[in-house]
Amino acid sequence: MKSHIQHFQDSNEYFFKEGCFINELSNLPEDPELSIAQARVESGVTTQWHQLRETTERYVIMEGSGVVEIGDYPPQKVTPGDVVFIPPNTRQRITNTGSQDLLFLALCTPRFVADNYQIDLT
């Protein structure tokens, strides 16, 4: 991979089926070790339970406030600066409990691939 700068583009944001908006900041086959996405959850919204096979995910809370649920761990409040660690194959969801958008970075190792994404309805 060559050195480069990938500039942020608001127009790349799309609605994702789990109930939030995603902007893929970096998710390249040439950089398989890591992907970075910006996630945005609107006020009052809870994302669907889901999990990632073979992928560790970290949420870095940037703006807003919420409650995150991971596996059997009790629900935890999250605010800017908090980092949430989610091991592979672990159920997860997040609720925006604030009045503004909840904005966080989702860092995945190895990089996020759609085949590893599973909606968990249990």
Protein backbone atom coordinates (compact mmCIF):
# COMPACT_ATOMS: atom_id res chain seq x y z
CA MET A 1 0.00 0.00 0.00
CA LYS A 2 1.27 3.45 -0.90
CA SER A 3 1.20 6.46 1.41
CA HIS A 4 -1.92 8.56 0.88
CA ILE A 5 -4.58 10.66 2.56
CA GLN A 6 -8.19 9.62 2.28
CA HIS A 7 -10.29 12.75 2.73
CA PHE A 8 -13.59 12.59 4.63
CA GLN A 9 -16.71 12.84 2.47
CA ASP A 10 -20.15 13.30 4.05
CA SER A 11 -21.73 12.03 0.84
CA ASN A 12 -20.32 8.51 1.43
CA GLU A 13 -22.64 7.94 4.40
CA TYR A 14 -25.31 5.27 3.90
CA PHE A 15 -28.04 3.68 6.03
CA PHE A 16 -27.07 0.21 7.24
CA LYS A 17 -29.63 -2.51 7.94
CA GLU A 18 -28.86 -2.72 11.67
CA GLY A 19 -30.35 0.75 12.15
CA CYS A 20 -27.50 3.24 11.89
CA PHE A 21 -25.66 5.31 9.31
CA ILE A 22 -22.17 4.26 8.21
CA ASN A 23 -19.37 6.13 6.47
CA GLU A 24 -16.48 3.81 5.54
CA LEU A 25 -13.38 5.88 6.25
CA SER A 26 -10.88 3.14 5.42
CA ASN A 27 -11.70 -0.38 4.30
CA LEU A 28 -9.28 -1.49 1.60
CA PRO A 29 -8.22 -4.95 0.44
CA GLU A 30 -4.66 -3.56 0.33
CA ASP A 31 -4.91 -2.92 4.10
CA PRO A 32 -6.49 -6.15 5.40
CA GLU A 33 -5.43 -5.69 9.03
CA LEU A 34 -7.82 -2.82 9.87
CA SER A 35 -10.94 -1.00 8.76
CA ILE A 36 -12.31 2.25 10.16
CA ALA A 37 -15.90 3.39 9.82
CA GLN A 38 -17.81 6.29 11.30
CA ALA A 39 -21.17 5.20 12.71
CA ARG A 40 -24.04 7.55 13.48
CA VAL A 41 -27.07 6.52 15.54
CA GLU A 42 -29.98 8.93 15.72
CA SER A 43 -31.53 9.97 19.03
CA GLY A 44 -33.72 7.27 20.58
CA VAL A 45 -32.59 4.53 18.18
CA THR A 46 -31.29 1.11 19.25
CA THR A 47 -29.36 -0.88 16.66
CA GLN A 48 -30.26 -4.51 16.06
CA TRP A 49 -28.39 -7.25 17.85
CA HIS A 50 -25.55 -8.35 15.59
CA GLN A 51 -22.12 -9.92 15.71
CA LEU A 52 -18.99 -10.17 13.61
CA ARG A 53 -17.39 -13.53 12.97
CA GLU A 54 -13.60 -13.64 13.15
CA THR A 55 -13.44 -9.87 13.71
CA THR A 56 -12.62 -7.83 16.80
CA GLU A 57 -14.42 -4.49 16.88
CA ARG A 58 -13.77 -1.38 18.93
CA TYR A 59 -16.10 1.59 19.28
CA VAL A 60 -14.46 4.94 20.01
CA ILE A 61 -17.25 7.25 21.18
CA MET A 62 -16.80 10.70 19.64
CA GLU A 63 -20.08 12.59 20.30
CA GLY A 64 -23.31 12.00 22.15
CA SER A 65 -24.23 9.44 24.78
CA GLY A 66 -25.60 5.95 24.77
CA VAL A 67 -25.86 2.53 26.31
CA VAL A 68 -23.94 -0.39 24.83
CA GLU A 69 -24.75 -4.06 25.30
CA ILE A 70 -22.10 -6.69 24.61
CA GLY A 71 -22.79 -10.41 25.03
CA ASP A 72 -23.87 -11.14 28.61
CA TYR A 73 -22.13 -8.04 30.00
CA PRO A 74 -24.56 -5.67 31.79
CA PRO A 75 -25.60 -2.60 29.72
CA GLN A 76 -23.07 0.21 30.14
CA LYS A 77 -23.35 3.96 29.59
CA VAL A 78 -20.89 5.42 27.08
CA THR A 79 -19.82 9.01 26.47
CA PRO A 80 -17.13 10.76 24.39
CA GLY A 81 -13.67 9.31 24.89
CA ASP A 82 -14.90 5.85 25.91
CA VAL A 83 -13.59 2.82 24.03
CA VAL A 84 -15.74 -0.32 23.80
CA PHE A 85 -13.96 -3.63 23.07
CA ILE A 86 -16.02 -6.32 21.33
CA PRO A 87 -14.43 -9.74 20.77
CA PRO A 88 -15.25 -11.83 17.67
CA ASN A 89 -18.58 -13.70 17.68
CA THR A 90 -20.03 -11.51 20.44
CA ARG A 91 -23.58 -10.12 20.32
CA GLN A 92 -23.69 -6.34 20.42
CA ARG A 93 -25.99 -3.37 20.06
CA ILE A 94 -25.99 0.28 21.05
CA THR A 95 -28.74 2.73 22.00
CA ASN A 96 -28.56 6.49 21.61
CA THR A 97 -29.91 7.84 24.91
CA GLY A 98 -29.12 11.47 24.18
CA SER A 99 -30.87 14.26 22.30
CA GLN A 100 -28.17 14.56 19.60
CA ASP A 101 -26.68 11.98 17.23
CA LEU A 102 -24.40 9.37 18.78
CA LEU A 103 -21.23 9.37 16.69
CA PHE A 104 -18.45 6.80 17.05
CA LEU A 105 -15.64 5.18 15.13
CA ALA A 106 -15.81 1.43 14.55
CA LEU A 107 -12.35 -0.08 14.18
CA CYS A 108 -12.29 -3.69 13.00
CA THR A 109 -9.38 -6.14 12.98
CA PRO A 110 -9.06 -7.75 10.58
CA ARG A 111 -10.94 -5.33 8.31
CA PHE A 112 -14.73 -5.51 8.10
CA VAL A 113 -16.09 -7.81 5.38
CA ALA A 114 -19.81 -8.28 4.84
CA ASP A 115 -19.53 -12.10 4.96
CA ASN A 116 -18.57 -11.86 8.65
CA TYR A 117 -21.60 -9.75 9.60
CA GLN A 118 -24.55 -11.55 11.20
CA ILE A 119 -27.84 -10.11 12.45
CA ASP A 120 -28.68 -11.87 15.71
CA LEU A 121 -32.42 -12.01 16.38
CA THR A 122 -32.28 -13.98 19.65
